[in-house]
Amino acid sequence: MFNKLCIIGVGLIGGSIAKTARLQNLATVIVGFGREDDVQNLQTARQIGVIDAYYLDIAVAVADADLVIIATPVASTADVLRLLQPYWSANTVYTDVGSTKGSVLAAAQAVFGQVPDNFVPAHPIAGAEQSGVLAAVDGLFANKRLIITPVETTDTEALRKIQRFWQGLGSAVSVMEATHHDQILAATSHLPHILAFALVDMLGHKDEQSEIFKYAAGGFKDFTRIASSDPGMWTAICEANKQEILPLIDQLQMELAKLHDLLAADDYSQLFATFAYAKTARQRFLEQFDKQQNQLQ
């Protein structure tokens, strides 16, 4: 599908893209780009066959590439676009995998004055708590959602190519506005991560004087799994999408205050009603999720 694929940031996501693209014959040559402090990871990526070569010179890395994927944390998007700007080619399609899209579009506007028509922002709804190329796996995107957030000026052929590429990786592709994407992800991904971090932060400080973690059961492990995620990456995501996250935190605080007041007032009938509604709502989500998964397969 593509002759040369250049991945900027060969970590969990970038490495998984490379692995699957190779197995699905979506690219003839796959190269990686990184900085000096990423050399060991890039060497590992080449040694295990995730990429064919790596470069520390962006001009060499993107030369003759017909697809460039920015797979670095969202906080670095503007810096990466500045690196790319002198070598930006009309013959190349550019995309990213950032967890927030409004900030990515703002970065493109700041660097280029407008969003280039051959830059197609995207976000795979997939991942893991681990990082680095050794965490990369083939099939990470199989039967997972992939959201593309084009703008009015996005080239239709570039959009079509990115859609086909992600479909080739096994993803179910949706197209929506960046604002809508950020609203959805704030509720379904960003707020849950904040909750997990906050709970473990609170209990972690208590555990210094007690045995809370010693007696924590599997439910605690499951609920707090995402608190093992990269703190730096999630700090950047919160910064990039804070306008959508802050109202949700306000709503959550109101919900917790309601539960606090019900418990303090011994109003267990309303407490039960709240829990029952939540259980029903989650069951509705599970049924929709299972239906969607069956449609994707």
Protein backbone atom coordinates (compact mmCIF):
# COMPACT_ATOMS: atom_id res chain seq x y z
CA MET A 1 0.00 0.00 0.00
CA PHE A 2 2.88 2.35 0.87
CA ASN A 3 6.45 2.13 -0.33
CA LYS A 4 8.16 3.74 2.68
CA LEU A 5 6.59 4.20 6.09
CA CYS A 6 8.40 6.42 8.60
CA ILE A 7 7.33 6.14 12.23
CA ILE A 8 8.34 8.95 14.56
CA GLY A 9 8.38 7.37 18.01
CA VAL A 10 8.80 3.59 17.88
CA GLY A 11 7.19 2.68 21.20
CA LEU A 12 4.14 0.63 22.11
CA ILE A 13 1.83 2.23 19.55
CA GLY A 14 4.42 3.04 16.87
CA GLY A 15 6.01 -0.39 17.21
CA SER A 16 2.66 -2.16 17.06
CA ILE A 17 1.77 -0.21 13.92
CA ALA A 18 5.08 -1.28 12.34
CA LYS A 19 4.65 -4.93 13.31
CA THR A 20 1.13 -5.21 11.94
CA ALA A 21 1.87 -3.13 8.83
CA ARG A 22 4.70 -5.51 7.99
CA LEU A 23 2.61 -8.63 8.50
CA GLN A 24 -0.26 -7.18 6.47
CA ASN A 25 2.07 -5.98 3.68
CA LEU A 26 0.95 -2.39 4.10
CA ALA A 27 4.46 -0.99 3.64
CA THR A 28 7.53 -2.18 1.74
CA VAL A 29 10.10 -0.40 3.94
CA ILE A 30 9.54 0.71 7.53
CA VAL A 31 11.92 3.09 9.24
CA GLY A 32 11.95 4.80 12.60
CA PHE A 33 13.06 8.21 13.80
CA GLY A 34 14.06 9.26 17.28
CA ARG A 35 16.43 11.41 19.29
CA GLU A 36 19.77 10.52 20.86
CA ASP A 37 18.15 9.46 24.14
CA ASP A 38 16.00 6.94 22.25
CA VAL A 39 18.87 5.14 20.48
CA GLN A 40 18.74 2.00 22.60
CA ASN A 41 15.03 1.58 21.98
CA LEU A 42 15.54 2.16 18.24
CA GLN A 43 18.39 -0.34 18.13
CA THR A 44 16.15 -2.89 19.81
CA ALA A 45 13.38 -2.17 17.31
CA ARG A 46 15.75 -2.87 14.43
CA GLN A 47 17.28 -5.96 16.05
CA ILE A 48 13.90 -7.63 16.59
CA GLY A 49 12.71 -6.72 13.09
CA VAL A 50 10.07 -4.14 13.97
CA ILE A 51 11.75 -1.60 11.68
CA ASP A 52 14.24 -1.99 8.84
CA ALA A 53 16.38 1.00 9.87
CA TYR A 54 16.39 3.99 12.17
CA TYR A 55 17.67 7.53 11.85
CA LEU A 56 18.46 10.41 14.17
CA ASP A 57 18.34 12.85 11.23
CA ILE A 58 14.73 13.75 10.38
CA ALA A 59 15.63 14.74 6.80
CA VAL A 60 17.03 11.27 6.09
CA ALA A 61 14.23 9.51 7.95
CA VAL A 62 11.41 11.08 5.93
CA ALA A 63 13.19 11.23 2.58
CA ASP A 64 10.97 9.56 -0.06
CA ALA A 65 8.49 8.41 2.60
CA ASP A 66 4.93 8.31 1.36
CA LEU A 67 3.49 7.87 4.88
CA VAL A 68 4.77 9.50 8.07
CA ILE A 69 3.16 8.64 11.41
CA ILE A 70 3.76 10.76 14.50
CA ALA A 71 3.57 8.27 17.39
CA THR A 72 4.97 10.44 20.17
CA PRO A 73 3.13 11.83 23.23
CA VAL A 74 0.71 14.66 22.41
CA ALA A 75 2.85 17.16 24.32
CA SER A 76 5.60 16.78 21.70
CA THR A 77 3.38 17.15 18.63
CA ALA A 78 4.27 20.79 17.97
CA ASP A 79 8.01 20.05 18.30
CA VAL A 80 7.74 17.14 15.88
CA LEU A 81 5.80 19.23 13.36
CA ARG A 82 8.51 21.90 13.56
CA LEU A 83 11.11 19.25 12.78
CA LEU A 84 9.05 18.09 9.82
CA GLN A 85 8.18 21.52 8.43
CA PRO A 86 11.35 22.09 6.32
CA TYR A 87 10.93 18.65 4.73
CA TRP A 88 7.14 18.58 4.40
CA SER A 89 6.22 17.02 1.06
CA ALA A 90 3.03 17.28 -0.95
CA ASN A 91 3.64 13.68 -2.05
CA THR A 92 3.49 12.34 1.51
CA VAL A 93 0.54 11.61 3.79
CA TYR A 94 1.06 12.56 7.43
CA THR A 95 -0.92 11.38 10.45
CA ASP A 96 -0.62 10.95 14.19
CA VAL A 97 -1.97 8.77 17.02
CA GLY A 98 -2.50 11.39 19.73
CA SER A 99 -5.10 10.87 22.46
CA THR A 100 -6.38 14.43 22.08
CA LYS A 101 -7.16 15.98 18.73
CA GLY A 102 -7.94 19.62 19.44
CA SER A 103 -4.40 20.14 20.73
CA VAL A 104 -2.94 18.39 17.69
CA LEU A 105 -4.86 20.62 15.30
CA ALA A 106 -3.81 23.67 17.34
CA ALA A 107 -0.18 22.57 17.07
CA ALA A 108 -0.48 22.22 13.30
CA GLN A 109 -2.07 25.68 13.08
CA ALA A 110 0.73 27.17 15.17
CA VAL A 111 3.50 25.61 13.08
CA PHE A 112 2.07 25.93 9.57
CA GLY A 113 -0.45 28.73 9.94
CA GLN A 114 -3.14 26.24 8.95
CA VAL A 115 -3.66 22.49 9.08
CA PRO A 116 -1.88 21.06 6.01
CA ASP A 117 -4.33 19.32 3.71
CA ASN A 118 -2.22 16.13 3.70
CA PHE A 119 -2.15 15.88 7.51
CA VAL A 120 -4.89 13.53 8.76
CA PRO A 121 -5.16 13.39 12.58
CA ALA A 122 -6.14 10.00 14.00
CA HIS A 123 -6.45 8.19 17.32
CA PRO A 124 -6.46 4.39 17.81
CA ILE A 125 -8.56 3.43 20.84
CA ALA A 126 -6.07 0.82 21.93
CA GLY A 127 -3.07 0.55 24.18
CA ALA A 128 -1.56 -0.95 27.31
CA GLU A 129 0.14 0.15 30.51
CA GLN A 130 3.59 -0.84 29.21
CA SER A 131 5.75 1.35 27.02
CA GLY A 132 8.68 0.95 24.64
CA VAL A 133 9.07 -1.18 21.54
CA LEU A 134 9.34 -4.42 23.54
CA ALA A 135 5.71 -3.89 24.55
CA ALA A 136 4.64 -3.67 20.89
CA VAL A 137 2.41 -6.47 19.64
CA ASP A 138 0.89 -7.51 16.36
CA GLY A 139 -2.89 -7.31 16.47
CA LEU A 140 -3.08 -4.49 19.02
CA PHE A 141 -5.56 -2.66 16.80
CA ALA A 142 -7.60 -5.65 15.64
CA ASN A 143 -11.32 -5.04 16.21
CA LYS A 144 -10.55 -1.75 17.97
CA ARG A 145 -11.96 1.66 17.20
CA LEU A 146 -9.89 4.19 15.27
CA ILE A 147 -11.12 7.78 15.11
CA ILE A 148 -10.06 10.16 12.35
CA THR A 149 -10.66 13.88 12.84
CA PRO A 150 -10.18 15.66 9.50
CA VAL A 151 -10.84 19.34 8.93
CA GLU A 152 -12.73 20.94 6.05
CA THR A 153 -9.56 21.35 3.99
CA THR A 154 -8.29 17.78 4.46
CA ASP A 155 -7.44 16.19 1.11
CA THR A 156 -9.96 13.46 0.32
CA GLU A 157 -7.32 11.13 -1.14
CA ALA A 158 -5.13 11.51 1.95
CA LEU A 159 -8.15 10.77 4.13
CA ARG A 160 -8.99 7.69 2.04
CA LYS A 161 -5.44 6.37 2.34
CA ILE A 162 -5.41 6.72 6.13
CA GLN A 163 -8.81 5.04 6.38
CA ARG A 164 -7.60 2.11 4.28
CA PHE A 165 -4.33 1.88 6.21
CA TRP A 166 -6.05 1.57 9.58
CA GLN A 167 -8.59 -0.83 8.20
CA GLY A 168 -5.64 -2.89 7.01
CA LEU A 169 -4.36 -2.90 10.60
CA GLY A 170 -7.72 -4.36 11.65
CA SER A 171 -9.36 -1.24 13.07
CA ALA A 172 -12.96 -0.12 12.73
CA VAL A 173 -12.65 3.45 11.45
CA SER A 174 -14.92 6.32 12.48
CA VAL A 175 -14.73 9.93 11.35
CA MET A 176 -15.78 12.84 13.58
CA GLU A 177 -14.90 16.40 14.52
CA ALA A 178 -11.97 16.90 16.86
CA THR A 179 -14.11 18.62 19.51
CA HIS A 180 -16.52 15.69 19.63
CA HIS A 181 -13.62 13.25 19.89
CA ASP A 182 -12.13 15.13 22.84
CA GLN A 183 -15.47 15.25 24.65
CA ILE A 184 -15.97 11.50 24.27
CA LEU A 185 -12.44 10.55 25.28
CA ALA A 186 -12.52 12.87 28.28
CA ALA A 187 -15.46 10.89 29.65
CA THR A 188 -14.48 7.37 28.64
CA SER A 189 -10.70 7.45 29.03
CA HIS A 190 -9.23 10.57 30.60
CA LEU A 191 -11.54 10.82 33.63
CA PRO A 192 -11.23 7.08 34.47
CA HIS A 193 -7.45 7.39 34.45
CA ILE A 194 -7.66 10.41 36.76
CA LEU A 195 -9.94 8.43 39.08
CA ALA A 196 -7.53 5.51 39.22
CA PHE A 197 -4.53 7.76 39.84
CA ALA A 198 -6.40 9.70 42.54
CA LEU A 199 -7.58 6.59 44.40
CA VAL A 200 -4.17 4.94 44.40
CA ASP A 201 -2.52 8.22 45.40
CA MET A 202 -4.87 8.52 48.39
CA LEU A 203 -4.57 4.90 49.48
CA GLY A 204 -0.86 4.80 48.76
CA HIS A 205 -0.26 7.52 51.33
CA LYS A 206 -2.45 5.65 53.81
CA ASP A 207 -0.61 2.41 53.10
CA GLU A 208 2.57 3.97 54.46
CA GLN A 209 1.02 3.70 57.93
CA SER A 210 -1.19 0.62 57.47
CA GLU A 211 -1.68 -2.58 55.48
CA ILE A 212 -4.26 -1.47 52.93
CA PHE A 213 -2.48 -2.86 49.87
CA LYS A 214 -1.64 -6.12 51.64
CA TYR A 215 -5.31 -7.01 51.91
CA ALA A 216 -6.52 -5.46 48.67
CA ALA A 217 -8.40 -8.00 46.55
CA GLY A 218 -8.74 -8.59 42.81
CA GLY A 219 -11.42 -5.94 42.42
CA PHE A 220 -8.99 -3.29 43.59
CA LYS A 221 -6.36 -4.60 41.20
CA ASP A 222 -8.80 -4.50 38.28
CA PHE A 223 -10.18 -1.06 39.12
CA THR A 224 -6.75 0.51 39.54
CA ARG A 225 -4.97 -1.24 36.63
CA ILE A 226 -4.76 1.92 34.57
CA ALA A 227 -2.95 3.74 37.38
CA SER A 228 0.11 1.83 36.13
CA SER A 229 0.08 3.97 32.99
CA ASP A 230 2.87 6.42 32.17
CA PRO A 231 2.46 9.47 34.49
CA GLY A 232 4.23 11.79 32.06
CA MET A 233 2.00 10.83 29.15
CA TRP A 234 -1.17 11.23 31.21
CA THR A 235 -0.09 14.57 32.63
CA ALA A 236 0.32 15.78 29.05
CA ILE A 237 -3.09 14.38 28.04
CA CYS A 238 -4.76 16.14 30.96
CA GLU A 239 -3.08 19.39 30.02
CA ALA A 240 -4.10 19.04 26.39
CA ASN A 241 -7.75 18.25 27.15
CA LYS A 242 -8.33 20.05 30.44
CA GLN A 243 -11.25 22.10 29.09
CA GLU A 244 -13.22 18.89 28.57
CA ILE A 245 -11.95 17.13 31.71
CA LEU A 246 -12.58 19.86 34.29
CA PRO A 247 -16.40 19.92 33.92
CA LEU A 248 -16.45 16.14 34.30
CA ILE A 249 -14.43 16.35 37.53
CA ASP A 250 -16.95 18.94 38.78
CA GLN A 251 -19.82 16.56 37.97
CA LEU A 252 -18.05 13.68 39.66
CA GLN A 253 -17.46 15.75 42.79
CA MET A 254 -21.20 16.50 42.88
CA GLU A 255 -21.98 12.79 42.53
CA LEU A 256 -19.59 11.91 45.37
CA ALA A 257 -21.09 14.67 47.51
CA LYS A 258 -24.56 13.22 46.86
CA LEU A 259 -23.44 9.76 47.96
CA HIS A 260 -21.75 11.29 51.01
CA ASP A 261 -24.97 13.04 52.01
CA LEU A 262 -27.11 9.93 51.45
CA LEU A 263 -24.80 7.85 53.61
CA ALA A 264 -24.60 10.50 56.33
CA ALA A 265 -28.40 10.73 56.39
CA ASP A 266 -28.84 6.94 56.50
CA ASP A 267 -30.86 7.20 53.29
CA TYR A 268 -30.09 3.69 52.11
CA SER A 269 -33.11 3.45 49.81
CA GLN A 270 -31.71 6.27 47.64
CA LEU A 271 -28.22 4.83 47.95
CA PHE A 272 -29.58 1.52 46.69
CA ALA A 273 -31.39 3.30 43.85
CA THR A 274 -28.15 5.00 42.79
CA PHE A 275 -26.23 1.72 42.85
CA ALA A 276 -29.03 -0.09 41.00
CA TYR A 277 -29.14 2.52 38.26
CA ALA A 278 -25.36 2.33 37.88
CA LYS A 279 -25.51 -1.45 37.60
CA THR A 280 -28.22 -1.23 34.93
CA ALA A 281 -26.31 1.44 33.02
CA ARG A 282 -23.14 -0.67 33.05
CA GLN A 283 -25.05 -3.71 31.84
CA ARG A 284 -26.40 -1.60 28.99
CA PHE A 285 -22.84 -0.60 28.15
CA LEU A 286 -21.67 -4.24 28.22
CA GLU A 287 -24.46 -5.29 25.87
CA GLN A 288 -23.64 -2.47 23.46
CA PHE A 289 -19.94 -3.29 23.70
CA ASP A 290 -20.49 -6.98 22.98
CA LYS A 291 -22.76 -6.11 20.05
CA GLN A 292 -20.15 -3.77 18.61
CA GLN A 293 -17.41 -6.34 19.03
CA ASN A 294 -19.47 -8.95 17.20
CA GLN A 295 -20.03 -6.48 14.36
CA LEU A 296 -16.31 -5.74 14.16
CA GLN A 297 -15.31 -9.39 13.93
